[in-house]
PDB file of N, CA and C in Angstrom:
ATOM      1  N   UNK A   1      -2.590  17.870   1.817  1.00  0.00           N
ATOM      2  CA  UNK A   1      -3.295  17.009   1.065  1.00  0.00           C
ATOM      3  C   UNK A   1      -3.168  17.596  -0.383  1.00  0.00           C
ATOM      4  N   UNK A   2      -3.222  16.713  -1.550  1.00  0.00           N
ATOM      5  CA  UNK A   2      -2.940  17.334  -3.064  1.00  0.00           C
ATOM      6  C   UNK A   2      -4.276  18.395  -3.406  1.00  0.00           C
ATOM      7  N   UNK A   3      -3.531  19.271  -3.675  1.00  0.00           N
ATOM      8  CA  UNK A   3      -4.503  20.425  -4.485  1.00  0.00           C
ATOM      9  C   UNK A   3      -5.668  19.926  -4.989  1.00  0.00           C
ATOM     10  N   UNK A   4      -5.007  18.712  -6.020  1.00  0.00           N
ATOM     11  CA  UNK A   4      -5.936  18.593  -7.143  1.00  0.00           C
ATOM     12  C   UNK A   4      -7.144  18.019  -6.927  1.00  0.00           C
ATOM     13  N   UNK A   5      -7.474  17.703  -5.140  1.00  0.00           N
ATOM     14  CA  UNK A   5      -8.570  16.883  -4.742  1.00  0.00           C
ATOM     15  C   UNK A   5      -9.360  18.259  -4.120  1.00  0.00           C
ATOM     16  N   UNK A   6      -8.773  19.324  -3.887  1.00  0.00           N
ATOM     17  CA  UNK A   6      -9.810  20.516  -3.720  1.00  0.00           C
ATOM     18  C   UNK A   6     -10.767  20.952  -4.836  1.00  0.00           C
ATOM     19  N   UNK A   7     -11.612  20.250  -5.116  1.00  0.00           N
ATOM     20  CA  UNK A   7     -12.494  20.429  -6.419  1.00  0.00           C
ATOM     21  C   UNK A   7     -13.816  19.583  -5.971  1.00  0.00           C
ATOM     22  N   UNK A   8     -14.947  19.778  -7.043  1.00  0.00           N
ATOM     23  CA  UNK A   8     -16.193  19.463  -6.805  1.00  0.00           C
ATOM     24  C   UNK A   8     -15.915  18.023  -7.314  1.00  0.00           C
ATOM     25  N   UNK A   9     -17.041  17.082  -6.824  1.00  0.00           N
ATOM     26  CA  UNK A   9     -17.067  15.823  -7.238  1.00  0.00           C
ATOM     27  C   UNK A   9     -18.405  15.505  -7.130  1.00  0.00           C
ATOM     28  N   UNK A  10     -18.743  14.392  -8.175  1.00  0.00           N
ATOM     29  CA  UNK A  10     -20.463  14.529  -8.337  1.00  0.00           C
ATOM     30  C   UNK A  10     -20.663  13.248  -7.525  1.00  0.00           C
ATOM     31  N   UNK A  11     -19.817  12.388  -6.693  1.00  0.00           N
ATOM     32  CA  UNK A  11     -20.097  11.227  -5.849  1.00  0.00           C
ATOM     33  C   UNK A  11     -19.248  11.072  -5.086  1.00  0.00           C
ATOM     34  N   UNK A  12     -19.443  10.741  -3.928  1.00  0.00           N
ATOM     35  CA  UNK A  12     -18.196  10.094  -2.843  1.00  0.00           C
ATOM     36  C   UNK A  12     -17.236   8.924  -3.436  1.00  0.00           C
ATOM     37  N   UNK A  13     -18.068   8.217  -4.302  1.00  0.00           N
ATOM     38  CA  UNK A  13     -17.084   6.853  -4.893  1.00  0.00           C
ATOM     39  C   UNK A  13     -16.127   7.663  -5.986  1.00  0.00           C
ATOM     40  N   UNK A  14     -16.444   8.682  -6.540  1.00  0.00           N
ATOM     41  CA  UNK A  14     -15.533   9.225  -7.377  1.00  0.00           C
ATOM     42  C   UNK A  14     -14.295  10.229  -6.917  1.00  0.00           C
ATOM     43  N   UNK A  15     -14.383  10.457  -5.385  1.00  0.00           N
ATOM     44  CA  UNK A  15     -13.657  11.162  -4.516  1.00  0.00           C
ATOM     45  C   UNK A  15     -12.634   9.852  -4.069  1.00  0.00           C
ATOM     46  N   UNK A  16     -13.240   8.950  -3.941  1.00  0.00           N
ATOM     47  CA  UNK A  16     -12.315   7.671  -3.436  1.00  0.00           C
ATOM     48  C   UNK A  16     -11.564   7.155  -4.199  1.00  0.00           C
ATOM     49  N   UNK A  17     -12.272   6.888  -5.397  1.00  0.00           N
ATOM     50  CA  UNK A  17     -11.209   6.295  -6.681  1.00  0.00           C
ATOM     51  C   UNK A  17     -10.130   7.094  -6.806  1.00  0.00           C
ATOM     52  N   UNK A  18     -10.476   8.555  -7.167  1.00  0.00           N
ATOM     53  CA  UNK A  18      -9.558   9.552  -7.210  1.00  0.00           C
ATOM     54  C   UNK A  18      -8.353   9.290  -6.623  1.00  0.00           C
ATOM     55  N   UNK A  19      -8.660   9.165  -5.253  1.00  0.00           N
ATOM     56  CA  UNK A  19      -7.611   8.868  -3.818  1.00  0.00           C
ATOM     57  C   UNK A  19      -6.877   7.768  -4.362  1.00  0.00           C
ATOM     58  N   UNK A  20      -7.670   6.248  -4.374  1.00  0.00           N
ATOM     59  CA  UNK A  20      -7.077   5.122  -4.295  1.00  0.00           C
ATOM     60  C   UNK A  20      -6.787   4.810  -5.703  1.00  0.00           C
ATOM     61  N   UNK A  21      -7.212   5.374  -6.587  1.00  0.00           N
ATOM     62  CA  UNK A  21      -7.163   4.793  -8.072  1.00  0.00           C
ATOM     63  C   UNK A  21      -5.952   4.298  -8.576  1.00  0.00           C
ATOM     64  N   UNK A  22      -5.966   3.400  -9.214  1.00  0.00           N
ATOM     65  CA  UNK A  22      -4.443   2.435  -9.806  1.00  0.00           C
ATOM     66  C   UNK A  22      -4.669   1.118  -8.901  1.00  0.00           C
ATOM     67  N   UNK A  23      -4.275   0.544  -9.109  1.00  0.00           N
ATOM     68  CA  UNK A  23      -4.204  -1.302  -8.823  1.00  0.00           C
ATOM     69  C   UNK A  23      -3.331  -1.261  -7.535  1.00  0.00           C
ATOM     70  N   UNK A  24      -1.861  -0.371  -7.682  1.00  0.00           N
ATOM     71  CA  UNK A  24      -0.820  -0.489  -6.934  1.00  0.00           C
ATOM     72  C   UNK A  24      -1.175   0.238  -5.592  1.00  0.00           C
ATOM     73  N   UNK A  25      -1.748   1.386  -5.575  1.00  0.00           N
ATOM     74  CA  UNK A  25      -2.175   2.120  -4.179  1.00  0.00           C
ATOM     75  C   UNK A  25      -2.860   1.341  -3.208  1.00  0.00           C
ATOM     76  N   UNK A  26      -3.814   0.528  -3.754  1.00  0.00           N
ATOM     77  CA  UNK A  26      -4.423  -0.386  -2.835  1.00  0.00           C
ATOM     78  C   UNK A  26      -4.071  -1.463  -2.337  1.00  0.00           C
ATOM     79  N   UNK A  27      -3.065  -1.996  -3.275  1.00  0.00           N
ATOM     80  CA  UNK A  27      -2.410  -3.063  -2.524  1.00  0.00           C
ATOM     81  C   UNK A  27      -1.177  -2.591  -1.678  1.00  0.00           C
ATOM     82  N   UNK A  28      -0.626  -1.472  -1.469  1.00  0.00           N
ATOM     83  CA  UNK A  28       0.593  -1.001  -0.960  1.00  0.00           C
ATOM     84  C   UNK A  28      -0.133  -0.843   0.508  1.00  0.00           C
ATOM     85  N   UNK A  29      -1.487  -0.172   0.201  1.00  0.00           N
ATOM     86  CA  UNK A  29      -2.233   0.155   1.835  1.00  0.00           C
ATOM     87  C   UNK A  29      -2.506  -0.786   2.151  1.00  0.00           C
ATOM     88  N   UNK A  30      -2.916  -2.117   1.636  1.00  0.00           N
ATOM     89  CA  UNK A  30      -3.346  -3.161   2.319  1.00  0.00           C
ATOM     90  C   UNK A  30      -2.111  -4.295   2.665  1.00  0.00           C
ATOM     91  N   UNK A  31      -0.793  -3.853   2.315  1.00  0.00           N
ATOM     92  CA  UNK A  31       0.194  -4.471   2.905  1.00  0.00           C
ATOM     93  C   UNK A  31       0.527  -3.406   4.224  1.00  0.00           C
ATOM     94  N   UNK A  32       0.482  -2.207   4.109  1.00  0.00           N
ATOM     95  CA  UNK A  32       0.592  -1.394   5.321  1.00  0.00           C
ATOM     96  C   UNK A  32      -0.137  -1.290   6.508  1.00  0.00           C
ATOM     97  N   UNK A  33      -1.319  -2.212   6.058  1.00  0.00           N
ATOM     98  CA  UNK A  33      -2.467  -1.969   6.954  1.00  0.00           C
ATOM     99  C   UNK A  33      -2.216  -3.154   8.227  1.00  0.00           C
ATOM    100  N   UNK A  34      -1.201  -4.050   7.668  1.00  0.00           N
ATOM    101  CA  UNK A  34      -0.572  -5.141   8.606  1.00  0.00           C
ATOM    102  C   UNK A  34       0.495  -4.572   9.427  1.00  0.00           C
ATOM    103  N   UNK A  35       1.092  -3.345   9.102  1.00  0.00           N
ATOM    104  CA  UNK A  35       1.920  -2.963  10.064  1.00  0.00           C
ATOM    105  C   UNK A  35       2.934  -2.283   9.325  1.00  0.00           C
ATOM    106  N   UNK A  36       3.846  -1.025   9.675  1.00  0.00           N
ATOM    107  CA  UNK A  36       4.752  -0.611   9.009  1.00  0.00           C
ATOM    108  C   UNK A  36       5.985  -1.526   8.221  1.00  0.00           C
ATOM    109  N   UNK A  37       6.210  -0.700   7.126  1.00  0.00           N
ATOM    110  CA  UNK A  37       7.166  -1.870   6.507  1.00  0.00           C
ATOM    111  C   UNK A  37       8.295  -0.974   5.722  1.00  0.00           C
ATOM    112  N   UNK A  38       9.945  -1.412   5.521  1.00  0.00           N
ATOM    113  CA  UNK A  38      10.499  -0.646   4.960  1.00  0.00           C
ATOM    114  C   UNK A  38      10.343  -0.549   3.454  1.00  0.00           C
ATOM    115  N   UNK A  39      11.196  -0.004   2.727  1.00  0.00           N
ATOM    116  CA  UNK A  39      10.821   0.041   1.170  1.00  0.00           C
ATOM    117  C   UNK A  39      11.099  -1.366   0.842  1.00  0.00           C
ATOM    118  N   UNK A  40      12.305  -1.899   1.091  1.00  0.00           N
ATOM    119  CA  UNK A  40      12.645  -3.227   0.509  1.00  0.00           C
ATOM    120  C   UNK A  40      11.467  -4.245   0.621  1.00  0.00           C
ATOM    121  N   UNK A  41      10.593  -4.214   2.037  1.00  0.00           N
ATOM    122  CA  UNK A  41      10.056  -5.059   2.216  1.00  0.00           C
ATOM    123  C   UNK A  41       8.828  -4.920   1.389  1.00  0.00           C
ATOM    124  N   UNK A  42       8.307  -3.612   1.092  1.00  0.00           N
ATOM    125  CA  UNK A  42       7.067  -3.401   0.271  1.00  0.00           C
ATOM    126  C   UNK A  42       7.320  -4.013  -1.226  1.00  0.00           C
ATOM    127  N   UNK A  43       8.837  -3.769  -1.596  1.00  0.00           N
ATOM    128  CA  UNK A  43       8.886  -4.202  -3.017  1.00  0.00           C
ATOM    129  C   UNK A  43       9.173  -5.428  -2.899  1.00  0.00           C
ATOM    130  N   UNK A  44       9.747  -6.623  -2.113  1.00  0.00           N
ATOM    131  CA  UNK A  44       9.445  -7.663  -2.042  1.00  0.00           C
ATOM    132  C   UNK A  44       8.340  -8.507  -1.778  1.00  0.00           C
ATOM    133  N   UNK A  45       6.977  -7.249  -1.302  1.00  0.00           N
ATOM    134  CA  UNK A  45       5.706  -8.160  -1.184  1.00  0.00           C
ATOM    135  C   UNK A  45       4.900  -7.582  -2.626  1.00  0.00           C
ATOM    136  N   UNK A  46       5.542  -6.607  -3.518  1.00  0.00           N
ATOM    137  CA  UNK A  46       4.649  -6.341  -4.624  1.00  0.00           C
ATOM    138  C   UNK A  46       6.093  -6.688  -5.755  1.00  0.00           C
ATOM    139  N   UNK A  47       6.243  -8.030  -5.869  1.00  0.00           N
ATOM    140  CA  UNK A  47       7.140  -8.526  -7.012  1.00  0.00           C
ATOM    141  C   UNK A  47       7.019  -7.966  -8.706  1.00  0.00           C
ATOM    142  N   UNK A  48       5.798  -7.535  -8.968  1.00  0.00           N
ATOM    143  CA  UNK A  48       5.239  -7.546 -10.126  1.00  0.00           C
ATOM    144  C   UNK A  48       5.346  -5.759 -10.327  1.00  0.00           C
ATOM    145  N   UNK A  49       5.917  -5.175  -9.426  1.00  0.00           N
ATOM    146  CA  UNK A  49       5.711  -3.521  -9.382  1.00  0.00           C
ATOM    147  C   UNK A  49       7.057  -3.162  -9.881  1.00  0.00           C
ATOM    148  N   UNK A  50       7.481  -1.998 -10.708  1.00  0.00           N
ATOM    149  CA  UNK A  50       8.940  -1.752 -10.867  1.00  0.00           C
ATOM    150  C   UNK A  50       9.195  -1.033  -9.589  1.00  0.00           C
ATOM    151  N   UNK A  51      10.220  -0.600  -9.551  1.00  0.00           N
ATOM    152  CA  UNK A  51      10.896  -0.033  -8.508  1.00  0.00           C
ATOM    153  C   UNK A  51      10.309   1.551  -8.651  1.00  0.00           C
ATOM    154  N   UNK A  52      10.399   2.229  -9.829  1.00  0.00           N
ATOM    155  CA  UNK A  52      10.084   3.440 -10.196  1.00  0.00           C
ATOM    156  C   UNK A  52       8.397   3.512  -9.815  1.00  0.00           C
ATOM    157  N   UNK A  53       7.607   2.919  -9.817  1.00  0.00           N
ATOM    158  CA  UNK A  53       6.188   2.713  -9.987  1.00  0.00           C
ATOM    159  C   UNK A  53       6.447   2.787  -8.325  1.00  0.00           C
ATOM    160  N   UNK A  54       7.110   1.985  -7.767  1.00  0.00           N
ATOM    161  CA  UNK A  54       6.719   1.872  -6.161  1.00  0.00           C
ATOM    162  C   UNK A  54       6.944   3.003  -5.450  1.00  0.00           C
ATOM    163  N   UNK A  55       8.386   3.516  -5.934  1.00  0.00           N
ATOM    164  CA  UNK A  55       8.842   5.255  -5.724  1.00  0.00           C
ATOM    165  C   UNK A  55       7.622   6.189  -5.944  1.00  0.00           C
ATOM    166  N   UNK A  56       7.132   6.008  -6.920  1.00  0.00           N
ATOM    167  CA  UNK A  56       5.759   7.406  -7.633  1.00  0.00           C
ATOM    168  C   UNK A  56       4.420   7.161  -6.617  1.00  0.00           C
ATOM    169  N   UNK A  57       4.208   5.734  -6.224  1.00  0.00           N
ATOM    170  CA  UNK A  57       3.153   5.443  -5.596  1.00  0.00           C
ATOM    171  C   UNK A  57       3.327   5.735  -4.074  1.00  0.00           C
ATOM    172  N   UNK A  58       4.500   5.864  -3.496  1.00  0.00           N
ATOM    173  CA  UNK A  58       4.900   6.026  -2.187  1.00  0.00           C
ATOM    174  C   UNK A  58       4.352   7.495  -1.900  1.00  0.00           C
ATOM    175  N   UNK A  59       5.542   8.227  -3.214  1.00  0.00           N
ATOM    176  CA  UNK A  59       5.287   9.782  -2.715  1.00  0.00           C
ATOM    177  C   UNK A  59       3.606  10.280  -2.850  1.00  0.00           C
ATOM    178  N   UNK A  60       2.937   9.549  -3.946  1.00  0.00           N
ATOM    179  CA  UNK A  60       1.368   9.995  -4.034  1.00  0.00           C
ATOM    180  C   UNK A  60       0.637   9.796  -2.585  1.00  0.00           C
ATOM    181  N   UNK A  61       1.192   8.219  -2.104  1.00  0.00           N
ATOM    182  CA  UNK A  61      -0.244   8.353  -1.058  1.00  0.00           C
ATOM    183  C   UNK A  61       0.633   8.911   0.217  1.00  0.00           C
ATOM    184  N   UNK A  62       2.065   9.511   0.241  1.00  0.00           N
ATOM    185  CA  UNK A  62       2.225  10.309   1.332  1.00  0.00           C
ATOM    186  C   UNK A  62       1.598  11.630   1.415  1.00  0.00           C
ATOM    187  N   UNK A  63       1.853  12.300  -0.371  1.00  0.00           N
ATOM    188  CA  UNK A  63       1.039  13.478  -0.614  1.00  0.00           C
ATOM    189  C   UNK A  63      -0.370  13.383  -0.261  1.00  0.00           C
ATOM    190  N   UNK A  64      -1.118  12.743  -0.432  1.00  0.00           N
ATOM    191  CA  UNK A  64      -2.713  12.458  -0.414  1.00  0.00           C
ATOM    192  C   UNK A  64      -2.660  12.271   1.344  1.00  0.00           C
ATOM    193  N   UNK A  65      -1.637  11.859   2.169  1.00  0.00           N
ATOM    194  CA  UNK A  65      -1.870  11.713   3.739  1.00  0.00           C
ATOM    195  C   UNK A  65      -2.562  10.607   3.998  1.00  0.00           C
ATOM    196  N   UNK A  66      -2.385   9.306   2.965  1.00  0.00           N
ATOM    197  CA  UNK A  66      -2.281   8.287   3.825  1.00  0.00           C
ATOM    198  C   UNK A  66      -1.430   7.675   4.365  1.00  0.00           C
ATOM    199  N   UNK A  67      -0.392   7.863   3.872  1.00  0.00           N
ATOM    200  CA  UNK A  67       0.876   7.022   4.457  1.00  0.00           C
ATOM    201  C   UNK A  67       1.969   8.122   5.190  1.00  0.00           C
ATOM    202  N   UNK A  68       2.588   7.568   5.727  1.00  0.00           N
ATOM    203  CA  UNK A  68       3.956   8.565   6.627  1.00  0.00           C
ATOM    204  C   UNK A  68       5.192   7.786   6.425  1.00  0.00           C
ATOM    205  N   UNK A  69       6.206   8.791   6.377  1.00  0.00           N
ATOM    206  CA  UNK A  69       7.454   7.965   5.926  1.00  0.00           C
ATOM    207  C   UNK A  69       7.989   8.311   7.236  1.00  0.00           C
ATOM    208  N   UNK A  70       8.253   7.332   8.295  1.00  0.00           N
ATOM    209  CA  UNK A  70       9.223   7.510   9.386  1.00  0.00           C
ATOM    210  C   UNK A  70      10.489   6.787   9.458  1.00  0.00           C
ATOM    211  N   UNK A  71      11.272   8.065  10.153  1.00  0.00           N
ATOM    212  CA  UNK A  71      12.827   7.775   9.913  1.00  0.00           C
ATOM    213  C   UNK A  71      13.019   7.325  11.430  1.00  0.00           C
ATOM    214  N   UNK A  72      13.303   6.049  11.989  1.00  0.00           N
ATOM    215  CA  UNK A  72      13.938   5.682  13.093  1.00  0.00           C
ATOM    216  C   UNK A  72      15.363   6.081  13.498  1.00  0.00           C
ATOM    217  N   UNK A  73      15.788   6.957  14.240  1.00  0.00           N
ATOM    218  CA  UNK A  73      17.330   7.204  14.680  1.00  0.00           C
ATOM    219  C   UNK A  73      17.642   5.906  15.264  1.00  0.00           C
ATOM    220  N   UNK A  74      19.211   5.957  14.975  1.00  0.00           N
ATOM    221  CA  UNK A  74      20.110   5.064  15.509  1.00  0.00           C
ATOM    222  C   UNK A  74      20.963   4.590  14.560  1.00  0.00           C
ATOM    223  N   UNK A  75      21.535   3.415  15.196  1.00  0.00           N
ATOM    224  CA  UNK A  75      22.417   2.811  13.901  1.00  0.00           C
ATOM    225  C   UNK A  75      22.056   2.623  12.906  1.00  0.00           C
ATOM    226  N   UNK A  76      22.284   3.119  11.670  1.00  0.00           N
ATOM    227  CA  UNK A  76      21.774   2.691  10.335  1.00  0.00           C
ATOM    228  C   UNK A  76      20.630   3.002   9.880  1.00  0.00           C
ATOM    229  N   UNK A  77      20.340   4.416  10.071  1.00  0.00           N
ATOM    230  CA  UNK A  77      18.936   5.098  10.353  1.00  0.00           C
ATOM    231  C   UNK A  77      18.091   4.136   9.437  1.00  0.00           C
ATOM    232  N   UNK A  78      16.868   3.812  10.087  1.00  0.00           N
ATOM    233  CA  UNK A  78      15.925   2.997   9.619  1.00  0.00           C
ATOM    234  C   UNK A  78      14.371   3.845   9.173  1.00  0.00           C
ATOM    235  N   UNK A  79      14.410   3.684   7.783  1.00  0.00           N
ATOM    236  CA  UNK A  79      13.180   4.191   7.170  1.00  0.00           C
ATOM    237  C   UNK A  79      11.878   3.424   7.026  1.00  0.00           C
ATOM    238  N   UNK A  80      10.904   3.638   7.545  1.00  0.00           N
ATOM    239  CA  UNK A  80       9.689   2.621   7.665  1.00  0.00           C
ATOM    240  C   UNK A  80       8.619   3.287   6.617  1.00  0.00           C
ATOM    241  N   UNK A  81       7.458   2.743   6.311  1.00  0.00           N
ATOM    242  CA  UNK A  81       6.509   3.799   5.723  1.00  0.00           C
ATOM    243  C   UNK A  81       5.238   2.988   6.692  1.00  0.00           C
ATOM    244  N   UNK A  82       4.353   3.856   7.063  1.00  0.00           N
ATOM    245  CA  UNK A  82       3.253   3.558   7.912  1.00  0.00           C
ATOM    246  C   UNK A  82       1.617   4.390   7.607  1.00  0.00           C
ATOM    247  N   UNK A  83       0.641   3.629   7.763  1.00  0.00           N
ATOM    248  CA  UNK A  83      -0.353   4.585   7.707  1.00  0.00           C
ATOM    249  C   UNK A  83      -0.490   5.574   8.438  1.00  0.00           C
ATOM    250  N   UNK A  84      -1.325   6.636   8.125  1.00  0.00           N
ATOM    251  CA  UNK A  84      -1.669   7.781   8.995  1.00  0.00           C
ATOM    252  C   UNK A  84      -3.109   7.460   9.363  1.00  0.00           C
ATOM    253  N   UNK A  85      -3.556   8.451  10.663  1.00  0.00           N
ATOM    254  CA  UNK A  85      -4.907   8.005  10.708  1.00  0.00           C
ATOM    255  C   UNK A  85      -5.751   8.082   9.374  1.00  0.00           C
ATOM    256  N   UNK A  86      -5.749   8.949   8.419  1.00  0.00           N
ATOM    257  CA  UNK A  86      -6.442   9.072   7.222  1.00  0.00           C
ATOM    258  C   UNK A  86      -6.464   7.429   6.516  1.00  0.00           C
ATOM    259  N   UNK A  87      -5.099   6.987   6.349  1.00  0.00           N
ATOM    260  CA  UNK A  87      -4.982   5.804   5.854  1.00  0.00           C
ATOM    261  C   UNK A  87      -5.640   4.740   6.721  1.00  0.00           C
ATOM    262  N   UNK A  88      -5.561   4.790   8.239  1.00  0.00           N
ATOM    263  CA  UNK A  88      -6.151   3.902   8.771  1.00  0.00           C
ATOM    264  C   UNK A  88      -7.421   3.751   9.121  1.00  0.00           C
ATOM    265  N   UNK A  89      -8.229   4.694   8.460  1.00  0.00           N
ATOM    266  CA  UNK A  89      -9.854   5.135   8.264  1.00  0.00           C
ATOM    267  C   UNK A  89      -9.930   4.178   7.044  1.00  0.00           C
ATOM    268  N   UNK A  90      -9.126   3.841   6.211  1.00  0.00           N
ATOM    269  CA  UNK A  90      -9.362   3.221   4.974  1.00  0.00           C
ATOM    270  C   UNK A  90      -9.666   1.476   5.217  1.00  0.00           C
ATOM    271  N   UNK A  91      -9.151   1.214   6.229  1.00  0.00           N
ATOM    272  CA  UNK A  91      -8.729  -0.359   7.115  1.00  0.00           C
ATOM    273  C   UNK A  91     -10.125  -1.038   6.518  1.00  0.00           C
ATOM    274  N   UNK A  92     -11.270  -0.836   7.042  1.00  0.00           N
ATOM    275  CA  UNK A  92     -11.988  -1.438   6.627  1.00  0.00           C
ATOM    276  C   UNK A  92     -12.918  -1.542   5.078  1.00  0.00           C
ATOM    277  N   UNK A  93     -12.522  -0.697   4.611  1.00  0.00           N
ATOM    278  CA  UNK A  93     -12.376  -0.737   2.863  1.00  0.00           C
ATOM    279  C   UNK A  93     -11.476  -1.917   2.602  1.00  0.00           C
ATOM    280  N   UNK A  94     -10.269  -1.565   2.807  1.00  0.00           N
ATOM    281  CA  UNK A  94      -9.081  -2.550   2.347  1.00  0.00           C
ATOM    282  C   UNK A  94      -9.476  -4.001   2.740  1.00  0.00           C
ATOM    283  N   UNK A  95     -10.167  -3.910   3.893  1.00  0.00           N
ATOM    284  CA  UNK A  95     -10.432  -5.754   4.377  1.00  0.00           C
ATOM    285  C   UNK A  95     -11.515  -6.217   3.339  1.00  0.00           C
ATOM    286  N   UNK A  96     -12.596  -5.466   3.328  1.00  0.00           N
ATOM    287  CA  UNK A  96     -13.590  -5.892   2.091  1.00  0.00           C
ATOM    288  C   UNK A  96     -12.972  -6.014   0.870  1.00  0.00           C
ATOM    289  N   UNK A  97     -12.147  -5.396   0.630  1.00  0.00           N
ATOM    290  CA  UNK A  97     -11.768  -5.898  -0.823  1.00  0.00           C
ATOM    291  C   UNK A  97     -10.776  -7.088  -1.288  1.00  0.00           C
ATOM    292  N   UNK A  98     -10.266  -7.268   0.123  1.00  0.00           N
ATOM    293  CA  UNK A  98      -9.374  -8.283   0.376  1.00  0.00           C
ATOM    294  C   UNK A  98     -10.427  -9.660   0.506  1.00  0.00           C
ATOM    295  N   UNK A  99     -11.323  -9.623   1.616  1.00  0.00           N
ATOM    296  CA  UNK A  99     -12.448 -10.632   1.339  1.00  0.00           C
ATOM    297  C   UNK A  99     -12.759 -10.968   0.026  1.00  0.00           C
ATOM    298  N   UNK A 100     -13.679 -10.172  -0.629  1.00  0.00           N
ATOM    299  CA  UNK A 100     -13.903 -10.066  -1.750  1.00  0.00           C
ATOM    300  C   UNK A 100     -13.147 -11.035  -2.728  1.00  0.00           C
ATOM    301  N   UNK A 101     -11.706 -10.396  -2.845  1.00  0.00           N
ATOM    302  CA  UNK A 101     -10.949 -11.125  -3.913  1.00  0.00           C
ATOM    303  C   UNK A 101     -10.890 -12.364  -3.671  1.00  0.00           C
ATOM    304  N   UNK A 102     -10.570 -12.811  -2.230  1.00  0.00           N
ATOM    305  CA  UNK A 102     -10.446 -14.538  -2.061  1.00  0.00           C
ATOM    306  C   UNK A 102     -11.991 -14.778  -2.522  1.00  0.00           C
ATOM    307  N   UNK A 103     -13.009 -14.887  -2.300  1.00  0.00           N
ATOM    308  CA  UNK A 103     -14.270 -15.226  -2.790  1.00  0.00           C
ATOM    309  C   UNK A 103     -14.403 -15.411  -4.348  1.00  0.00           C
ATOM    310  N   UNK A 104     -14.110 -14.000  -4.705  1.00  0.00           N
ATOM    311  CA  UNK A 104     -13.842 -14.110  -6.511  1.00  0.00           C
ATOM    312  C   UNK A 104     -12.844 -15.055  -6.797  1.00  0.00           C
ATOM    313  N   UNK A 105     -11.783 -15.375  -6.197  1.00  0.00           N
ATOM    314  CA  UNK A 105     -10.765 -16.453  -6.624  1.00  0.00           C
ATOM    315  C   UNK A 105     -11.565 -17.546  -6.745  1.00  0.00           C
ATOM    316  N   UNK A 106     -12.072 -17.602  -5.719  1.00  0.00           N
ATOM    317  CA  UNK A 106     -12.784 -19.252  -5.758  1.00  0.00           C
ATOM    318  C   UNK A 106     -13.748 -19.360  -6.950  1.00  0.00           C
ATOM    319  N   UNK A 107     -14.648 -18.543  -7.296  1.00  0.00           N
ATOM    320  CA  UNK A 107     -15.741 -18.182  -7.840  1.00  0.00           C
ATOM    321  C   UNK A 107     -15.023 -18.403  -9.396  1.00  0.00           C
ATOM    322  N   UNK A 108     -13.850 -17.725  -9.892  1.00  0.00           N
ATOM    323  CA  UNK A 108     -13.384 -17.763 -11.052  1.00  0.00           C
ATOM    324  C   UNK A 108     -12.089 -18.640 -11.569  1.00  0.00           C
ATOM    325  N   UNK A 109     -11.715 -19.392 -10.780  1.00  0.00           N
ATOM    326  CA  UNK A 109     -10.507 -20.654 -10.397  1.00  0.00           C
ATOM    327  C   UNK A 109      -9.237 -19.861 -10.365  1.00  0.00           C
ATOM    328  N   UNK A 110      -8.884 -18.516  -9.709  1.00  0.00           N
ATOM    329  CA  UNK A 110      -7.705 -17.778 -10.047  1.00  0.00           C
ATOM    330  C   UNK A 110      -7.043 -18.470  -8.520  1.00  0.00           C
ATOM    331  N   UNK A 111      -6.059 -18.208  -8.611  1.00  0.00           N
ATOM    332  CA  UNK A 111      -5.042 -18.776  -7.348  1.00  0.00           C
ATOM    333  C   UNK A 111      -4.371 -17.740  -6.820  1.00  0.00           C
ATOM    334  N   UNK A 112      -4.403 -17.396  -5.630  1.00  0.00           N
ATOM    335  CA  UNK A 112      -3.574 -16.400  -4.764  1.00  0.00           C
ATOM    336  C   UNK A 112      -2.208 -16.800  -4.168  1.00  0.00           C
ATOM    337  N   UNK A 113      -1.479 -16.279  -4.739  1.00  0.00           N
ATOM    338  CA  UNK A 113       0.040 -16.829  -3.757  1.00  0.00           C
ATOM    339  C   UNK A 113       1.008 -15.751  -3.566  1.00  0.00           C
ATOM    340  N   UNK A 114       1.110 -16.052  -2.175  1.00  0.00           N
ATOM    341  CA  UNK A 114       1.900 -14.797  -1.585  1.00  0.00           C
ATOM    342  C   UNK A 114       3.354 -14.907  -1.983  1.00  0.00           C
ATOM    343  N   UNK A 115       3.970 -13.467  -1.730  1.00  0.00           N
ATOM    344  CA  UNK A 115       5.370 -13.446  -2.585  1.00  0.00           C
ATOM    345  C   UNK A 115       6.688 -14.521  -1.727  1.00  0.00           C
ATOM    346  N   UNK A 116       7.136 -15.102  -2.521  1.00  0.00           N
ATOM    347  CA  UNK A 116       8.219 -15.979  -1.944  1.00  0.00           C
ATOM    348  C   UNK A 116       9.025 -15.141  -0.793  1.00  0.00           C
ATOM    349  N   UNK A 117       9.305 -15.632   0.175  1.00  0.00           N
ATOM    350  CA  UNK A 117      10.058 -15.239   1.579  1.00  0.00           C
ATOM    351  C   UNK A 117      11.616 -14.753   0.409  1.00  0.00           C
ATOM    352  N   UNK A 118      12.000 -13.284   1.121  1.00  0.00           N
ATOM    353  CA  UNK A 118      13.414 -13.399   1.046  1.00  0.00           C
ATOM    354  C   UNK A 118      14.381 -14.350   1.458  1.00  0.00           C
ATOM    355  N   UNK A 119      15.502 -14.478   0.703  1.00  0.00           N
ATOM    356  CA  UNK A 119      16.308 -15.805   1.047  1.00  0.00           C
ATOM    357  C   UNK A 119      17.122 -14.967   2.532  1.00  0.00           C
ATOM    358  N   UNK A 120      17.415 -16.144   3.368  1.00  0.00           N
ATOM    359  CA  UNK A 120      18.147 -15.880   4.292  1.00  0.00           C
ATOM    360  C   UNK A 120      19.449 -15.616   4.262  1.00  0.00           C
ATOM    361  N   UNK A 121      20.118 -15.065   4.852  1.00  0.00           N
ATOM    362  CA  UNK A 121      21.502 -14.548   4.753  1.00  0.00           C
ATOM    363  C   UNK A 121      22.202 -15.489   5.848  1.00  0.00           C
ATOM    364  N   UNK A 122      23.722 -15.962   5.181  1.00  0.00           N
ATOM    365  CA  UNK A 122      24.363 -16.949   5.907  1.00  0.00           C
ATOM    366  C   UNK A 122      25.214 -15.836   6.742  1.00  0.00           C
ATOM    367  N   UNK A 123      25.312 -16.290   7.913  1.00  0.00           N
ATOM    368  CA  UNK A 123      26.243 -15.924   8.937  1.00  0.00           C
ATOM    369  C   UNK A 123      27.327 -16.563   9.039  1.00  0.00           C
ATOM    370  N   UNK A 124      28.338 -15.824   9.425  1.00  0.00           N
ATOM    371  CA  UNK A 124      29.948 -16.645   9.569  1.00  0.00           C
ATOM    372  C   UNK A 124      29.846 -17.102  10.796  1.00  0.00           C
TER     373      UNK A 124
END
């Protein structure tokens, strides 16, 4: 885990926000709680996030022990990102944020739209 967290915090929420801080980390964890995803899948599910930001946040989440990079051997070595046990422990928090976001959207008139699916490749 990042050595920057090996210090004193004044409140547990302060530590939690230090780890989950920023918009994209929580969004990425919420996507990964549904199951392991490849880089391209994460990229498609977070269309407003730049590739540079995605790469940085993946590294940070991995360094903090919340996700792991899994390489599956075989034809065309496949790399996936998945939650670690520490990341899995955030599942109830992520679900609570999701549920609250849905309720809040109704209250404020916001729309929640899922990213568009990737176009299917034509096979010959």
